[in-house]
Amino acid sequence: MDRHDSEKQSTADMTAFVQSLLQQMQTRFQTMSESIITKIDEMGNRIDELEQSINDLKNEMGIEGSPSPAPSKQKPGEDSA
């Protein structure tokens, strides 16, 4: 009977270990996800600020109302951005 109890204890220990490991992985994943979302939000804000700065510079230069320059000739096969 001792062997059977020992196997039960070993199984319980392994189960606890795996559950602990999964919890640690979930916590790390959550932390990384939050960090990525924060960085994406920061990049979005920086892009918005950059667009605003470009528009301010265009307004200062008086370009806002003037037509945009003709696109440069592209080599065959190039896509315009």
PDB file of N, CA and C in Angstrom:
ATOM      1  N   MET A   1       0.814  -1.191   0.000  1.00  0.00           N
ATOM      2  CA  MET A   1       0.000   0.000   0.000  1.00  0.00           C
ATOM      3  C   MET A   1       0.860   1.256   0.000  1.00  0.00           C
ATOM      4  N   ASP A   2       2.072   1.197   0.539  1.00  0.00           N
ATOM      5  CA  ASP A   2       2.958   2.355   0.586  1.00  0.00           C
ATOM      6  C   ASP A   2       3.339   2.809  -0.823  1.00  0.00           C
ATOM      7  N   ARG A   3       3.530   1.843  -1.694  1.00  0.00           N
ATOM      8  CA  ARG A   3       3.897   2.175  -3.080  1.00  0.00           C
ATOM      9  C   ARG A   3       2.753   2.925  -3.756  1.00  0.00           C
ATOM     10  N   HIS A   4       1.544   2.489  -3.525  1.00  0.00           N
ATOM     11  CA  HIS A   4       0.366   3.137  -4.105  1.00  0.00           C
ATOM     12  C   HIS A   4       0.238   4.568  -3.574  1.00  0.00           C
ATOM     13  N   ASP A   5       0.448   4.759  -2.290  1.00  0.00           N
ATOM     14  CA  ASP A   5       0.396   6.107  -1.696  1.00  0.00           C
ATOM     15  C   ASP A   5       1.514   6.979  -2.248  1.00  0.00           C
ATOM     16  N   SER A   6       2.666   6.378  -2.454  1.00  0.00           N
ATOM     17  CA  SER A   6       3.808   7.112  -2.999  1.00  0.00           C
ATOM     18  C   SER A   6       3.523   7.574  -4.430  1.00  0.00           C
ATOM     19  N   GLU A   7       2.898   6.711  -5.204  1.00  0.00           N
ATOM     20  CA  GLU A   7       2.553   7.079  -6.585  1.00  0.00           C
ATOM     21  C   GLU A   7       1.514   8.198  -6.602  1.00  0.00           C
ATOM     22  N   LYS A   8       0.540   8.116  -5.694  1.00  0.00           N
ATOM     23  CA  LYS A   8      -0.467   9.176  -5.600  1.00  0.00           C
ATOM     24  C   LYS A   8       0.182  10.502  -5.251  1.00  0.00           C
ATOM     25  N   GLN A   9       1.122  10.458  -4.303  1.00  0.00           N
ATOM     26  CA  GLN A   9       1.819  11.684  -3.882  1.00  0.00           C
ATOM     27  C   GLN A   9       2.648  12.242  -5.034  1.00  0.00           C
ATOM     28  N   SER A  10       3.317  11.354  -5.764  1.00  0.00           N
ATOM     29  CA  SER A  10       4.129  11.773  -6.906  1.00  0.00           C
ATOM     30  C   SER A  10       3.259  12.416  -7.978  1.00  0.00           C
ATOM     31  N   THR A  11       2.114  11.830  -8.232  1.00  0.00           N
ATOM     32  CA  THR A  11       1.176  12.388  -9.211  1.00  0.00           C
ATOM     33  C   THR A  11       0.660  13.747  -8.741  1.00  0.00           C
ATOM     34  N   ALA A  12       0.336  13.842  -7.480  1.00  0.00           N
ATOM     35  CA  ALA A  12      -0.150  15.117  -6.928  1.00  0.00           C
ATOM     36  C   ALA A  12       0.930  16.192  -7.010  1.00  0.00           C
ATOM     37  N   ASP A  13       2.175  15.810  -6.715  1.00  0.00           N
ATOM     38  CA  ASP A  13       3.286  16.767  -6.801  1.00  0.00           C
ATOM     39  C   ASP A  13       3.476  17.245  -8.234  1.00  0.00           C
ATOM     40  N   MET A  14       3.406  16.314  -9.190  1.00  0.00           N
ATOM     41  CA  MET A  14       3.576  16.667 -10.596  1.00  0.00           C
ATOM     42  C   MET A  14       2.439  17.576 -11.049  1.00  0.00           C
ATOM     43  N   THR A  15       1.231  17.279 -10.627  1.00  0.00           N
ATOM     44  CA  THR A  15       0.077  18.104 -10.983  1.00  0.00           C
ATOM     45  C   THR A  15       0.242  19.517 -10.434  1.00  0.00           C
ATOM     46  N   ALA A  16       0.670  19.621  -9.189  1.00  0.00           N
ATOM     47  CA  ALA A  16       0.885  20.935  -8.576  1.00  0.00           C
ATOM     48  C   ALA A  16       1.983  21.696  -9.307  1.00  0.00           C
ATOM     49  N   PHE A  17       3.049  20.991  -9.678  1.00  0.00           N
ATOM     50  CA  PHE A  17       4.156  21.621 -10.391  1.00  0.00           C
ATOM     51  C   PHE A  17       3.686  22.164 -11.741  1.00  0.00           C
ATOM     52  N   VAL A  18       2.940  21.337 -12.485  1.00  0.00           N
ATOM     53  CA  VAL A  18       2.453  21.753 -13.805  1.00  0.00           C
ATOM     54  C   VAL A  18       1.496  22.933 -13.671  1.00  0.00           C
ATOM     55  N   GLN A  19       0.606  22.902 -12.688  1.00  0.00           N
ATOM     56  CA  GLN A  19      -0.318  24.016 -12.486  1.00  0.00           C
ATOM     57  C   GLN A  19       0.430  25.301 -12.149  1.00  0.00           C
ATOM     58  N   SER A  20       1.455  25.175 -11.320  1.00  0.00           N
ATOM     59  CA  SER A  20       2.267  26.343 -10.967  1.00  0.00           C
ATOM     60  C   SER A  20       2.981  26.896 -12.195  1.00  0.00           C
ATOM     61  N   LEU A  21       3.530  26.002 -12.997  1.00  0.00           N
ATOM     62  CA  LEU A  21       4.241  26.418 -14.208  1.00  0.00           C
ATOM     63  C   LEU A  21       3.296  27.108 -15.185  1.00  0.00           C
ATOM     64  N   LEU A  22       2.109  26.563 -15.356  1.00  0.00           N
ATOM     65  CA  LEU A  22       1.131  27.179 -16.249  1.00  0.00           C
ATOM     66  C   LEU A  22       0.708  28.556 -15.736  1.00  0.00           C
ATOM     67  N   GLN A  23       0.560  28.699 -14.436  1.00  0.00           N
ATOM     68  CA  GLN A  23       0.203  29.992 -13.859  1.00  0.00           C
ATOM     69  C   GLN A  23       1.303  31.014 -14.102  1.00  0.00           C
ATOM     70  N   GLN A  24       2.557  30.598 -13.927  1.00  0.00           N
ATOM     71  CA  GLN A  24       3.683  31.501 -14.201  1.00  0.00           C
ATOM     72  C   GLN A  24       3.705  31.920 -15.664  1.00  0.00           C
ATOM     73  N   MET A  25       3.472  30.971 -16.558  1.00  0.00           N
ATOM     74  CA  MET A  25       3.457  31.286 -17.984  1.00  0.00           C
ATOM     75  C   MET A  25       2.326  32.252 -18.317  1.00  0.00           C
ATOM     76  N   GLN A  26       1.153  32.038 -17.718  1.00  0.00           N
ATOM     77  CA  GLN A  26       0.022  32.918 -17.968  1.00  0.00           C
ATOM     78  C   GLN A  26       0.321  34.333 -17.473  1.00  0.00           C
ATOM     79  N   THR A  27       0.941  34.446 -16.311  1.00  0.00           N
ATOM     80  CA  THR A  27       1.296  35.751 -15.760  1.00  0.00           C
ATOM     81  C   THR A  27       2.300  36.463 -16.662  1.00  0.00           C
ATOM     82  N   ARG A  28       3.304  35.736 -17.115  1.00  0.00           N
ATOM     83  CA  ARG A  28       4.309  36.341 -18.007  1.00  0.00           C
ATOM     84  C   ARG A  28       3.683  36.765 -19.333  1.00  0.00           C
ATOM     85  N   PHE A  29       2.820  35.926 -19.877  1.00  0.00           N
ATOM     86  CA  PHE A  29       2.151  36.251 -21.126  1.00  0.00           C
ATOM     87  C   PHE A  29       1.307  37.507 -20.959  1.00  0.00           C
ATOM     88  N   GLN A  30       0.580  37.605 -19.859  1.00  0.00           N
ATOM     89  CA  GLN A  30      -0.254  38.782 -19.596  1.00  0.00           C
ATOM     90  C   GLN A  30       0.606  40.038 -19.496  1.00  0.00           C
ATOM     91  N   THR A  31       1.724  39.938 -18.797  1.00  0.00           N
ATOM     92  CA  THR A  31       2.628  41.078 -18.656  1.00  0.00           C
ATOM     93  C   THR A  31       3.178  41.506 -20.015  1.00  0.00           C
ATOM     94  N   MET A  32       3.589  40.523 -20.827  1.00  0.00           N
ATOM     95  CA  MET A  32       4.115  40.844 -22.155  1.00  0.00           C
ATOM     96  C   MET A  32       3.036  41.461 -23.026  1.00  0.00           C
ATOM     97  N   SER A  33       1.818  40.945 -22.961  1.00  0.00           N
ATOM     98  CA  SER A  33       0.711  41.486 -23.758  1.00  0.00           C
ATOM     99  C   SER A  33       0.451  42.943 -23.385  1.00  0.00           C
ATOM    100  N   GLU A  34       0.419  43.224 -22.101  1.00  0.00           N
ATOM    101  CA  GLU A  34       0.186  44.597 -21.654  1.00  0.00           C
ATOM    102  C   GLU A  34       1.310  45.516 -22.114  1.00  0.00           C
ATOM    103  N   SER A  35       2.543  45.027 -22.060  1.00  0.00           N
ATOM    104  CA  SER A  35       3.687  45.819 -22.503  1.00  0.00           C
ATOM    105  C   SER A  35       3.596  46.125 -24.000  1.00  0.00           C
ATOM    106  N   ILE A  36       3.221  45.127 -24.787  1.00  0.00           N
ATOM    107  CA  ILE A  36       3.099  45.315 -26.240  1.00  0.00           C
ATOM    108  C   ILE A  36       1.997  46.323 -26.549  1.00  0.00           C
ATOM    109  N   ILE A  37       0.860  46.194 -25.884  1.00  0.00           N
ATOM    110  CA  ILE A  37      -0.251  47.125 -26.115  1.00  0.00           C
ATOM    111  C   ILE A  37       0.150  48.542 -25.752  1.00  0.00           C
ATOM    112  N   THR A  38       0.867  48.690 -24.634  1.00  0.00           N
ATOM    113  CA  THR A  38       1.333  50.018 -24.220  1.00  0.00           C
ATOM    114  C   THR A  38       2.262  50.615 -25.270  1.00  0.00           C
ATOM    115  N   LYS A  39       3.184  49.806 -25.784  1.00  0.00           N
ATOM    116  CA  LYS A  39       4.121  50.303 -26.799  1.00  0.00           C
ATOM    117  C   LYS A  39       3.402  50.671 -28.093  1.00  0.00           C
ATOM    118  N   ILE A  40       2.395  49.893 -28.489  1.00  0.00           N
ATOM    119  CA  ILE A  40       1.620  50.211 -29.693  1.00  0.00           C
ATOM    120  C   ILE A  40       0.886  51.533 -29.502  1.00  0.00           C
ATOM    121  N   ASP A  41       0.298  51.717 -28.321  1.00  0.00           N
ATOM    122  CA  ASP A  41      -0.390  52.984 -28.036  1.00  0.00           C
ATOM    123  C   ASP A  41       0.585  54.160 -28.085  1.00  0.00           C
ATOM    124  N   GLU A  42       1.782  53.981 -27.523  1.00  0.00           N
ATOM    125  CA  GLU A  42       2.793  55.037 -27.553  1.00  0.00           C
ATOM    126  C   GLU A  42       3.199  55.357 -28.990  1.00  0.00           C
ATOM    127  N   MET A  43       3.374  54.324 -29.813  1.00  0.00           N
ATOM    128  CA  MET A  43       3.737  54.557 -31.215  1.00  0.00           C
ATOM    129  C   MET A  43       2.625  55.294 -31.938  1.00  0.00           C
ATOM    130  N   GLY A  44       1.377  54.930 -31.662  1.00  0.00           N
ATOM    131  CA  GLY A  44       0.245  55.626 -32.274  1.00  0.00           C
ATOM    132  C   GLY A  44       0.234  57.094 -31.902  1.00  0.00           C
ATOM    133  N   ASN A  45       0.500  57.385 -30.623  1.00  0.00           N
ATOM    134  CA  ASN A  45       0.557  58.779 -30.180  1.00  0.00           C
ATOM    135  C   ASN A  45       1.699  59.524 -30.859  1.00  0.00           C
ATOM    136  N   ARG A  46       2.836  58.876 -30.992  1.00  0.00           N
ATOM    137  CA  ARG A  46       3.980  59.532 -31.645  1.00  0.00           C
ATOM    138  C   ARG A  46       3.686  59.798 -33.120  1.00  0.00           C
ATOM    139  N   ILE A  47       3.004  58.866 -33.778  1.00  0.00           N
ATOM    140  CA  ILE A  47       2.626  59.073 -35.183  1.00  0.00           C
ATOM    141  C   ILE A  47       1.659  60.243 -35.302  1.00  0.00           C
ATOM    142  N   ASP A  48       0.688  60.311 -34.388  1.00  0.00           N
ATOM    143  CA  ASP A  48      -0.263  61.434 -34.398  1.00  0.00           C
ATOM    144  C   ASP A  48       0.471  62.761 -34.208  1.00  0.00           C
ATOM    145  N   GLU A  49       1.430  62.787 -33.278  1.00  0.00           N
ATOM    146  CA  GLU A  49       2.196  64.005 -33.048  1.00  0.00           C
ATOM    147  C   GLU A  49       3.023  64.375 -34.278  1.00  0.00           C
ATOM    148  N   LEU A  50       3.597  63.376 -34.923  1.00  0.00           N
ATOM    149  CA  LEU A  50       4.390  63.612 -36.128  1.00  0.00           C
ATOM    150  C   LEU A  50       3.513  64.161 -37.248  1.00  0.00           C
ATOM    151  N   GLU A  51       2.328  63.597 -37.428  1.00  0.00           N
ATOM    152  CA  GLU A  51       1.404  64.105 -38.440  1.00  0.00           C
ATOM    153  C   GLU A  51       1.024  65.552 -38.149  1.00  0.00           C
ATOM    154  N   GLN A  52       0.782  65.844 -36.884  1.00  0.00           N
ATOM    155  CA  GLN A  52       0.425  67.207 -36.510  1.00  0.00           C
ATOM    156  C   GLN A  52       1.582  68.163 -36.786  1.00  0.00           C
ATOM    157  N   SER A  53       2.796  67.734 -36.469  1.00  0.00           N
ATOM    158  CA  SER A  53       3.966  68.572 -36.735  1.00  0.00           C
ATOM    159  C   SER A  53       4.134  68.825 -38.227  1.00  0.00           C
ATOM    160  N   ILE A  54       3.931  67.793 -39.026  1.00  0.00           N
ATOM    161  CA  ILE A  54       4.047  67.944 -40.483  1.00  0.00           C
ATOM    162  C   ILE A  54       2.995  68.921 -40.986  1.00  0.00           C
ATOM    163  N   ASN A  55       1.753  68.773 -40.506  1.00  0.00           N
ATOM    164  CA  ASN A  55       0.696  69.699 -40.918  1.00  0.00           C
ATOM    165  C   ASN A  55       0.996  71.122 -40.481  1.00  0.00           C
ATOM    166  N   ASP A  56       1.538  71.296 -39.276  1.00  0.00           N
ATOM    167  CA  ASP A  56       1.916  72.633 -38.807  1.00  0.00           C
ATOM    168  C   ASP A  56       2.997  73.237 -39.700  1.00  0.00           C
ATOM    169  N   LEU A  57       3.988  72.428 -40.068  1.00  0.00           N
ATOM    170  CA  LEU A  57       5.054  72.921 -40.946  1.00  0.00           C
ATOM    171  C   LEU A  57       4.502  73.283 -42.325  1.00  0.00           C
ATOM    172  N   LYS A  58       3.596  72.444 -42.833  1.00  0.00           N
ATOM    173  CA  LYS A  58       2.989  72.744 -44.127  1.00  0.00           C
ATOM    174  C   LYS A  58       2.220  74.062 -44.060  1.00  0.00           C
ATOM    175  N   ASN A  59       1.501  74.271 -42.980  1.00  0.00           N
ATOM    176  CA  ASN A  59       0.741  75.511 -42.822  1.00  0.00           C
ATOM    177  C   ASN A  59       1.675  76.715 -42.730  1.00  0.00           C
ATOM    178  N   GLU A  60       2.770  76.560 -42.011  1.00  0.00           N
ATOM    179  CA  GLU A  60       3.738  77.656 -41.893  1.00  0.00           C
ATOM    180  C   GLU A  60       4.340  78.004 -43.245  1.00  0.00           C
ATOM    181  N   MET A  61       4.540  76.999 -44.073  1.00  0.00           N
ATOM    182  CA  MET A  61       5.152  77.229 -45.380  1.00  0.00           C
ATOM    183  C   MET A  61       4.111  77.645 -46.415  1.00  0.00           C
ATOM    184  N   GLY A  62       2.852  77.562 -46.088  1.00  0.00           N
ATOM    185  CA  GLY A  62       1.811  77.947 -47.024  1.00  0.00           C
ATOM    186  C   GLY A  62       1.540  76.901 -48.079  1.00  0.00           C
ATOM    187  N   ILE A  63       1.868  75.668 -47.801  1.00  0.00           N
ATOM    188  CA  ILE A  63       1.701  74.600 -48.782  1.00  0.00           C
ATOM    189  C   ILE A  63       0.301  74.011 -48.728  1.00  0.00           C
ATOM    190  N   GLU A  64      -0.385  74.198 -47.646  1.00  0.00           N
ATOM    191  CA  GLU A  64      -1.669  73.516 -47.425  1.00  0.00           C
ATOM    192  C   GLU A  64      -2.623  73.653 -48.601  1.00  0.00           C
ATOM    193  N   GLY A  65      -2.775  74.877 -49.151  1.00  0.00           N
ATOM    194  CA  GLY A  65      -3.735  75.085 -50.221  1.00  0.00           C
ATOM    195  C   GLY A  65      -3.194  74.820 -51.609  1.00  0.00           C
ATOM    196  N   SER A  66      -1.901  74.680 -51.760  1.00  0.00           N
ATOM    197  CA  SER A  66      -1.331  74.491 -53.093  1.00  0.00           C
ATOM    198  C   SER A  66      -1.392  73.023 -53.497  1.00  0.00           C
ATOM    199  N   PRO A  67      -1.453  72.769 -54.804  1.00  0.00           N
ATOM    200  CA  PRO A  67      -1.531  71.374 -55.254  1.00  0.00           C
ATOM    201  C   PRO A  67      -0.237  70.631 -54.936  1.00  0.00           C
ATOM    202  N   SER A  68      -0.372  69.363 -54.720  1.00  0.00           N
ATOM    203  CA  SER A  68       0.824  68.565 -54.434  1.00  0.00           C
ATOM    204  C   SER A  68       1.623  68.405 -55.721  1.00  0.00           C
ATOM    205  N   PRO A  69       2.931  68.256 -55.589  1.00  0.00           N
ATOM    206  CA  PRO A  69       3.763  68.113 -56.791  1.00  0.00           C
ATOM    207  C   PRO A  69       3.414  66.839 -57.548  1.00  0.00           C
ATOM    208  N   ALA A  70       3.676  66.866 -58.848  1.00  0.00           N
ATOM    209  CA  ALA A  70       3.402  65.694 -59.677  1.00  0.00           C
ATOM    210  C   ALA A  70       4.284  64.545 -59.201  1.00  0.00           C
ATOM    211  N   PRO A  71       3.753  63.349 -59.183  1.00  0.00           N
ATOM    212  CA  PRO A  71       4.558  62.208 -58.733  1.00  0.00           C
ATOM    213  C   PRO A  71       5.716  61.972 -59.687  1.00  0.00           C
ATOM    214  N   SER A  72       6.833  61.551 -59.103  1.00  0.00           N
ATOM    215  CA  SER A  72       7.999  61.287 -59.947  1.00  0.00           C
ATOM    216  C   SER A  72       7.742  60.041 -60.764  1.00  0.00           C
ATOM    217  N   LYS A  73       8.415  59.952 -61.899  1.00  0.00           N
ATOM    218  CA  LYS A  73       8.232  58.795 -62.766  1.00  0.00           C
ATOM    219  C   LYS A  73       8.781  57.564 -62.060  1.00  0.00           C
ATOM    220  N   GLN A  74       8.016  56.500 -62.145  1.00  0.00           N
ATOM    221  CA  GLN A  74       8.421  55.265 -61.495  1.00  0.00           C
ATOM    222  C   GLN A  74       8.899  54.278 -62.533  1.00  0.00           C
ATOM    223  N   LYS A  75       9.777  53.413 -62.070  1.00  0.00           N
ATOM    224  CA  LYS A  75      10.238  52.337 -62.936  1.00  0.00           C
ATOM    225  C   LYS A  75       9.097  51.327 -63.065  1.00  0.00           C
ATOM    226  N   PRO A  76       9.004  50.642 -64.176  1.00  0.00           N
ATOM    227  CA  PRO A  76       7.949  49.629 -64.333  1.00  0.00           C
ATOM    228  C   PRO A  76       8.018  48.609 -63.193  1.00  0.00           C
ATOM    229  N   GLY A  77       6.859  48.266 -62.679  1.00  0.00           N
ATOM    230  CA  GLY A  77       6.799  47.268 -61.619  1.00  0.00           C
ATOM    231  C   GLY A  77       6.816  47.841 -60.226  1.00  0.00           C
ATOM    232  N   GLU A  78       7.073  49.135 -60.058  1.00  0.00           N
ATOM    233  CA  GLU A  78       7.078  49.737 -58.738  1.00  0.00           C
ATOM    234  C   GLU A  78       5.676  50.192 -58.381  1.00  0.00           C
ATOM    235  N   ASP A  79       5.288  49.971 -57.154  1.00  0.00           N
ATOM    236  CA  ASP A  79       3.989  50.431 -56.677  1.00  0.00           C
ATOM    237  C   ASP A  79       4.171  51.762 -55.980  1.00  0.00           C
ATOM    238  N   SER A  80       3.164  52.618 -56.095  1.00  0.00           N
ATOM    239  CA  SER A  80       3.247  53.869 -55.358  1.00  0.00           C
ATOM    240  C   SER A  80       2.810  53.636 -53.938  1.00  0.00           C
ATOM    241  N   ALA A  81       3.426  54.347 -52.996  1.00  0.00           N
ATOM    242  CA  ALA A  81       3.138  54.125 -51.563  1.00  0.00           C
ATOM    243  C   ALA A  81       2.066  55.042 -51.091  1.00  0.00           C
TER     244      ALA A  81
END
